[in-house]
C-alpha cells in the first residue's frame, strides 16, 4: 500500500498484505512524502531515486528488506537518511542485501582500506571532481551494486553525483546513438611491473594472467615484465530490470583524466562533438547528493552512473563497498 500524503493527513485505511489490518495516522509531512507501511520515502530529486526516511526512529537493521528491494529495483538508487549509523552498522546493513564483495583490485584509483576490511574502502584519496561513470566499467568483472556511507561530510562541496543511465540514453541524439551502436569502446593501458602489481594487488605474473583472462582482457607482456592490456566493451547496455537501454560506462572520467587510454575498437578517436554532447547531457541530468553524517547510498551499478564534485575539506570521509545483490535481479 502506498498513500500520498498532503501536508496534514488523517489516514484510516485497510489493505490486504498477507492479512487485513488497520492503519491510522495523523502526520505532518512534505507533500511529496510517501508512506508504505513503516517505510517513508520521498524523491532524491524530481527525476531520480528515493530517499528512505527514518520517520519512526527505528533501527535501520529492522527495515523491511523486501520492500527496500522492490523500491530499489524500481528506482535504482536509494538514500537512507536519518537513521542511527556507524561503520559497523553500515557494514551489517549492506550485508543484508549483498554478496560477493570485491576489493577493488584493478581499480583506477588508490583506495584506503578501512578497519582492516578490504571490502570497506575510502574514496577520499583525491579531492578533484570526477565525472559520471559506472564503477569499474573498464573491465568485465565489475560490481553490480554499490554502497556509500558518509562517515563525515565535507564542510562544503564534495557532493556525490548520480544520474540514471536510462534517462541519459533517452537524451542521446540519433546520430550519437548510431555511433555507439556501431562502435565499441577500447581501453588500452600500459603498466610497468610495479604498476600492475600494485593495481591488481598481486606479485605473480601467472595470477595476473588469470585475472586478465577472467576479465576478457587482452594481455601483452614485454621483456621487462611491463604489460599492455586491452579491454573492449559497449557504451550502452540492456537493463537488468525492465526492457530499457542504458548509457553506462567510463567514458567521461577517462576522457577527463586519462584520455590517451580510450578509443573506439577500430582505434579511431571519439569525436569531439560527441564528447560535447555527452558532457552537456551529464550536466542536465546530474543530481547532487549533499551528504549528511550517517547517510547511506545504495546504487544499481548496471543503471545509475555516479561521480563527485571537487572539495577541499580534508575531513570529508566517504566509504564504499562493491558487491552483487543477494536477491534476484
Protein backbone atom coordinates (compact mmCIF):
# COMPACT_ATOMS: atom_id res chain seq x y z
CA UNK A 1 0.00 0.00 0.00
CA UNK A 2 1.30 3.43 -0.95
CA UNK A 3 -0.57 6.55 0.11
CA UNK A 4 0.36 10.07 -0.96
CA UNK A 5 0.04 12.41 1.98
CA UNK A 6 -0.97 16.04 1.98
CA UNK A 7 0.86 18.31 4.45
CA UNK A 8 -1.52 17.17 7.22
CA UNK A 9 -3.47 13.96 6.67
CA UNK A 10 -5.81 11.89 8.78
CA UNK A 11 -5.46 8.43 7.26
CA UNK A 12 -7.56 5.41 8.08
CA UNK A 13 -7.47 2.53 5.67
CA UNK A 14 -7.10 -1.19 5.38
CA UNK A 15 -5.50 -3.36 2.75
CA UNK A 16 -4.58 -6.93 2.09
CA UNK A 17 -0.90 -7.65 2.59
CA UNK A 18 -0.81 -11.20 3.82
CA UNK A 19 -3.65 -10.29 6.21
CA UNK A 20 -6.05 -7.42 6.76
CA UNK A 21 -5.02 -4.69 9.12
CA UNK A 22 -6.00 -1.17 10.07
CA UNK A 23 -3.51 1.68 9.67
CA UNK A 24 -4.33 5.04 11.23
CA UNK A 25 -2.05 8.07 11.11
CA UNK A 26 -2.02 11.78 11.73
CA UNK A 27 1.10 13.05 10.04
CA UNK A 28 2.64 16.40 9.17
CA UNK A 29 4.95 15.75 6.20
CA UNK A 30 6.04 17.40 3.00
CA UNK A 31 3.58 16.95 0.17
CA UNK A 32 5.86 14.70 -1.84
CA UNK A 33 6.41 12.26 1.04
CA UNK A 34 5.06 8.75 0.67
CA UNK A 35 4.36 6.19 3.37
CA UNK A 36 4.38 2.47 2.74
CA UNK A 37 3.80 0.51 5.94
CA UNK A 38 6.70 1.53 8.20
CA UNK A 39 8.82 2.88 5.32
CA UNK A 40 8.57 6.57 4.43
CA UNK A 41 10.06 7.80 1.17
CA UNK A 42 10.41 10.89 -0.94
CA UNK A 43 12.31 11.55 -4.18
CA UNK A 44 16.03 12.30 -4.08
CA UNK A 45 15.28 14.77 -6.87
CA UNK A 46 12.36 15.44 -9.19
CA UNK A 47 13.54 12.81 -11.64
CA UNK A 48 15.71 10.37 -9.70
CA UNK A 49 15.70 7.85 -6.91
CA UNK A 50 14.12 7.62 -3.49
CA UNK A 51 15.09 8.73 -0.01
CA UNK A 52 14.22 6.25 2.72
CA UNK A 53 13.35 8.39 5.73
CA UNK A 54 13.56 7.25 9.36
CA UNK A 55 10.18 8.64 10.36
CA UNK A 56 9.58 6.39 13.39
CA UNK A 57 13.08 6.37 14.93
CA UNK A 58 13.70 2.68 14.31
CA UNK A 59 16.96 0.87 13.71
CA UNK A 60 17.94 0.66 10.06
CA UNK A 61 18.60 -3.04 10.70
CA UNK A 62 14.86 -3.54 11.36
CA UNK A 63 13.78 -2.18 7.99
CA UNK A 64 11.54 -4.30 5.77
CA UNK A 65 14.05 -5.82 3.37
CA UNK A 66 11.55 -7.00 0.76
CA UNK A 67 10.06 -3.53 0.43
CA UNK A 68 13.52 -1.98 0.09
CA UNK A 69 14.40 -4.48 -2.63
CA UNK A 70 11.22 -3.64 -4.53
CA UNK A 71 11.85 0.11 -4.33
CA UNK A 72 15.48 -0.39 -5.34
CA UNK A 73 14.55 -2.41 -8.43
CA UNK A 74 12.17 0.36 -9.48
CA UNK A 75 14.38 3.40 -8.88
CA UNK A 76 17.97 2.13 -8.95
CA UNK A 77 19.31 4.46 -6.25
CA UNK A 78 18.21 4.83 -2.62
CA UNK A 79 19.38 7.31 0.01
CA UNK A 80 18.85 6.18 3.62
CA UNK A 81 18.68 9.26 5.83
CA UNK A 82 18.02 9.98 9.50
CA UNK A 83 19.00 6.57 10.84
CA UNK A 84 21.49 5.99 13.63
CA UNK A 85 24.52 4.53 11.86
CA UNK A 86 28.23 3.95 12.23
CA UNK A 87 30.79 1.99 10.23
CA UNK A 88 29.82 -1.33 11.80
CA UNK A 89 26.10 -0.74 11.25
CA UNK A 90 26.82 0.26 7.65
CA UNK A 91 28.71 -2.99 7.12
CA UNK A 92 25.96 -5.05 8.78
CA UNK A 93 23.18 -3.28 6.87
CA UNK A 94 24.84 -3.63 3.48
CA UNK A 95 25.49 -7.31 4.23
CA UNK A 96 21.72 -7.86 4.48
CA UNK A 97 21.25 -7.14 0.77
CA UNK A 98 24.62 -8.10 -0.71
CA UNK A 99 27.00 -10.90 -1.58
CA UNK A 100 30.30 -11.38 -3.40
CA UNK A 101 32.03 -8.26 -2.11
CA UNK A 102 35.18 -7.35 -4.05
CA UNK A 103 38.31 -5.48 -3.04
CA UNK A 104 38.77 -3.07 -5.98
CA UNK A 105 41.71 -4.99 -7.47
CA UNK A 106 42.33 -3.46 -10.89
CA UNK A 107 40.59 -0.23 -9.94
CA UNK A 108 41.54 3.13 -11.40
CA UNK A 109 42.39 4.84 -8.09
CA UNK A 110 44.22 4.05 -4.88
CA UNK A 111 41.72 3.40 -2.10
CA UNK A 112 42.48 3.17 1.59
CA UNK A 113 41.23 0.08 3.44
CA UNK A 114 39.08 0.91 6.49
CA UNK A 115 39.47 -1.00 9.78
CA UNK A 116 41.38 -3.82 8.09
CA UNK A 117 38.36 -4.80 5.94
CA UNK A 118 39.41 -4.83 2.29
CA UNK A 119 35.75 -4.64 1.22
CA UNK A 120 35.33 -1.30 3.05
CA UNK A 121 37.25 1.43 1.24
CA UNK A 122 37.73 5.18 1.43
CA UNK A 123 37.04 7.32 -1.66
CA UNK A 124 38.87 10.41 -0.39
CA UNK A 125 42.45 9.93 -1.58
CA UNK A 126 41.89 12.60 -4.23
CA UNK A 127 39.93 15.84 -3.98
CA UNK A 128 39.26 16.69 -7.62
CA UNK A 129 35.84 16.28 -9.21
CA UNK A 130 35.10 13.04 -11.05
CA UNK A 131 32.60 12.91 -13.90
CA UNK A 132 29.69 10.48 -14.13
CA UNK A 133 30.60 6.85 -14.70
CA UNK A 134 29.71 3.25 -14.00
CA UNK A 135 32.04 1.75 -11.39
CA UNK A 136 34.88 -0.29 -12.93
CA UNK A 137 33.38 -0.30 -16.43
CA UNK A 138 36.88 -0.77 -17.84
CA UNK A 139 36.85 -4.50 -17.01
CA UNK A 140 34.40 -7.40 -17.27
CA UNK A 141 34.14 -8.20 -13.55
CA UNK A 142 32.65 -5.01 -12.20
CA UNK A 143 30.36 -4.82 -9.16
CA UNK A 144 26.64 -4.90 -9.89
CA UNK A 145 25.79 -2.88 -6.81
CA UNK A 146 27.48 -0.13 -4.78
CA UNK A 147 27.12 1.15 -1.23
CA UNK A 148 28.36 4.54 0.00
CA UNK A 149 28.50 5.63 3.64
CA UNK A 150 29.07 9.16 4.92
CA UNK A 151 31.29 8.96 8.00
CA UNK A 152 31.89 12.71 7.79
CA UNK A 153 30.61 15.16 5.15
CA UNK A 154 32.72 17.96 3.71
CA UNK A 155 32.03 21.39 5.15
CA UNK A 156 31.20 22.46 1.61
CA UNK A 157 31.07 20.84 -1.83
CA UNK A 158 32.17 17.21 -2.22
CA UNK A 159 28.68 16.06 -3.21
CA UNK A 160 28.32 12.65 -4.80
CA UNK A 161 26.59 12.98 -8.17
CA UNK A 162 24.17 10.46 -9.65
CA UNK A 163 22.39 10.08 -12.98
CA UNK A 164 20.02 7.49 -14.43
CA UNK A 165 21.61 5.82 -17.46
CA UNK A 166 18.15 5.16 -18.90
CA UNK A 167 17.41 8.88 -18.94
CA UNK A 168 20.87 9.57 -20.35
CA UNK A 169 20.32 7.19 -23.25
CA UNK A 170 16.92 8.76 -23.96
CA UNK A 171 18.57 12.16 -24.44
CA UNK A 172 21.28 10.99 -26.85
CA UNK A 173 20.85 12.33 -30.37
CA UNK A 174 20.05 9.74 -33.08
CA UNK A 175 23.50 10.25 -34.62
CA UNK A 176 25.26 9.59 -31.32
CA UNK A 177 23.14 6.52 -30.62
CA UNK A 178 24.12 5.24 -34.04
CA UNK A 179 27.81 5.87 -33.38
CA UNK A 180 27.74 3.87 -30.15
CA UNK A 181 25.65 1.11 -31.73
CA UNK A 182 28.33 0.64 -34.39
CA UNK A 183 31.44 1.22 -32.26
CA UNK A 184 32.52 -0.45 -29.05
CA UNK A 185 34.92 1.20 -26.62
CA UNK A 186 38.51 0.05 -26.21
CA UNK A 187 40.62 0.76 -23.14
CA UNK A 188 44.37 0.40 -23.71
CA UNK A 189 46.63 0.71 -20.66
CA UNK A 190 50.41 0.42 -20.42
CA UNK A 191 51.83 -0.51 -16.99
CA UNK A 192 55.24 -1.23 -15.55
CA UNK A 193 55.71 -4.37 -13.48
CA UNK A 194 55.46 -2.33 -10.30
CA UNK A 195 52.28 -0.62 -11.51
CA UNK A 196 50.33 -3.79 -12.35
CA UNK A 197 51.47 -5.46 -9.15
CA UNK A 198 50.18 -2.51 -7.12
CA UNK A 199 46.99 -2.03 -9.14
CA UNK A 200 45.95 -5.69 -9.02
CA UNK A 201 47.38 -6.38 -5.55
CA UNK A 202 49.41 -9.42 -6.65
CA UNK A 203 53.07 -10.28 -7.27
CA UNK A 204 52.92 -13.31 -9.57
CA UNK A 205 52.50 -12.80 -13.32
CA UNK A 206 50.60 -16.07 -13.79
CA UNK A 207 48.00 -14.86 -11.30
CA UNK A 208 47.80 -11.62 -13.25
CA UNK A 209 47.20 -13.62 -16.44
CA UNK A 210 44.29 -15.41 -14.77
CA UNK A 211 42.74 -12.11 -13.71
CA UNK A 212 43.03 -10.71 -17.23
CA UNK A 213 41.50 -13.86 -18.72
CA UNK A 214 38.54 -13.72 -16.33
CA UNK A 215 38.05 -10.06 -17.27
CA UNK A 216 38.12 -10.80 -21.03
CA UNK A 217 41.17 -8.55 -21.19
CA UNK A 218 43.88 -8.99 -23.82
CA UNK A 219 47.32 -9.03 -22.18
CA UNK A 220 50.71 -8.43 -23.80
CA UNK A 221 53.90 -8.88 -21.76
CA UNK A 222 57.24 -7.25 -22.54
CA UNK A 223 60.79 -8.36 -21.69
CA UNK A 224 60.97 -6.11 -18.63
CA UNK A 225 57.65 -7.52 -17.32
CA UNK A 226 55.80 -4.34 -18.21
CA UNK A 227 52.46 -5.01 -19.89
CA UNK A 228 49.81 -3.63 -22.20
CA UNK A 229 46.19 -4.58 -21.51
CA UNK A 230 43.19 -4.02 -23.78
CA UNK A 231 39.54 -4.29 -22.84
CA UNK A 232 36.61 -3.86 -25.24
CA UNK A 233 33.07 -3.10 -24.11
CA UNK A 234 29.86 -1.35 -25.25
CA UNK A 235 28.89 2.15 -24.16
CA UNK A 236 25.21 1.14 -23.95
CA UNK A 237 23.84 -1.99 -22.26
CA UNK A 238 20.42 -3.56 -21.74
CA UNK A 239 18.93 -3.06 -18.29
CA UNK A 240 18.56 -5.94 -15.84
CA UNK A 241 15.16 -4.67 -14.65
CA UNK A 242 12.75 -3.98 -17.49
CA UNK A 243 13.32 -3.60 -21.21
CA UNK A 244 15.49 -0.48 -21.36
CA UNK A 245 18.70 0.71 -22.98
CA UNK A 246 21.17 2.17 -20.50
CA UNK A 247 24.08 4.51 -21.22
CA UNK A 248 26.60 3.49 -18.56
CA UNK A 249 30.37 3.34 -18.98
CA UNK A 250 33.59 5.13 -18.01
CA UNK A 251 33.88 7.47 -20.99
CA UNK A 252 33.50 10.81 -19.19
CA UNK A 253 36.09 10.43 -16.39
CA UNK A 254 38.53 8.59 -18.65
CA UNK A 255 38.46 11.40 -21.19
CA UNK A 256 38.69 13.86 -18.29
CA UNK A 257 41.69 12.30 -16.53
CA UNK A 258 43.45 9.90 -18.91
CA UNK A 259 42.17 10.36 -22.49
CA UNK A 260 45.02 8.54 -24.21
CA UNK A 261 43.79 5.15 -22.92
CA UNK A 262 40.33 5.30 -24.53
CA UNK A 263 39.31 4.99 -28.18
CA UNK A 264 36.90 3.04 -30.33
CA UNK A 265 37.61 -0.61 -31.08
CA UNK A 266 38.92 0.29 -34.55
CA UNK A 267 41.39 2.72 -32.89
CA UNK A 268 39.55 5.81 -34.10
CA UNK A 269 39.00 8.64 -31.63
CA UNK A 270 35.68 9.50 -30.05
CA UNK A 271 34.59 12.66 -31.94
CA UNK A 272 34.85 15.95 -30.07
CA UNK A 273 31.22 16.80 -30.86
CA UNK A 274 30.12 13.53 -29.24
CA UNK A 275 32.08 14.35 -26.09
CA UNK A 276 30.49 17.82 -26.01
CA UNK A 277 27.04 16.26 -26.26
CA UNK A 278 27.78 13.73 -23.50
CA UNK A 279 29.06 16.39 -21.13
CA UNK A 280 26.05 18.61 -21.77
CA UNK A 281 23.60 15.77 -21.11
CA UNK A 282 25.50 14.82 -17.97
CA UNK A 283 25.19 18.30 -16.51
CA UNK A 284 21.48 18.48 -17.35
CA UNK A 285 20.69 15.17 -15.70
CA UNK A 286 23.07 15.22 -12.74
CA UNK A 287 21.56 15.06 -9.26
CA UNK A 288 23.81 16.03 -6.36
CA UNK A 289 23.65 14.15 -3.08
CA UNK A 290 24.65 16.69 -0.42
CA UNK A 291 25.89 14.35 2.29
CA UNK A 292 24.77 14.34 5.90
CA UNK A 293 26.65 12.39 8.54
CA UNK A 294 25.37 8.81 8.69
CA UNK A 295 23.77 8.77 5.22
CA UNK A 296 23.86 5.51 3.27
CA UNK A 297 23.52 5.40 -0.53
CA UNK A 298 22.58 2.19 -2.41
CA UNK A 299 23.27 2.21 -6.17
CA UNK A 300 22.44 -0.12 -9.06
CA UNK A 301 25.74 -0.15 -10.95
CA UNK A 302 24.03 -1.52 -14.06
CA UNK A 303 21.81 1.56 -14.39
CA UNK A 304 22.95 4.51 -12.27
CA UNK A 305 26.15 6.40 -13.02
CA UNK A 306 27.82 8.32 -10.22
CA UNK A 307 30.59 10.86 -9.78
CA UNK A 308 31.77 13.52 -7.37
CA UNK A 309 32.11 17.27 -7.06
CA UNK A 310 35.51 18.57 -6.00
CA UNK A 311 36.21 19.50 -2.38
CA UNK A 312 38.96 20.90 -0.16
CA UNK A 313 37.90 19.71 3.29
CA UNK A 314 40.39 17.01 4.29
CA UNK A 315 37.99 15.72 6.94
CA UNK A 316 35.48 14.55 4.32
CA UNK A 317 35.20 10.80 4.83
CA UNK A 318 33.06 8.69 2.49
CA UNK A 319 33.34 4.90 2.31
CA UNK A 320 32.35 2.49 -0.46
CA UNK A 321 31.57 -1.23 -0.74
CA UNK A 322 31.44 -3.08 -4.08
CA UNK A 323 29.26 -6.17 -4.40
CA UNK A 324 26.46 -8.07 -6.09
CA UNK A 325 22.84 -8.11 -4.91
CA UNK A 326 21.87 -11.04 -2.69
CA UNK A 327 18.41 -11.03 -4.27
CA UNK A 328 17.09 -11.99 -7.70
CA UNK A 329 17.96 -9.30 -10.18
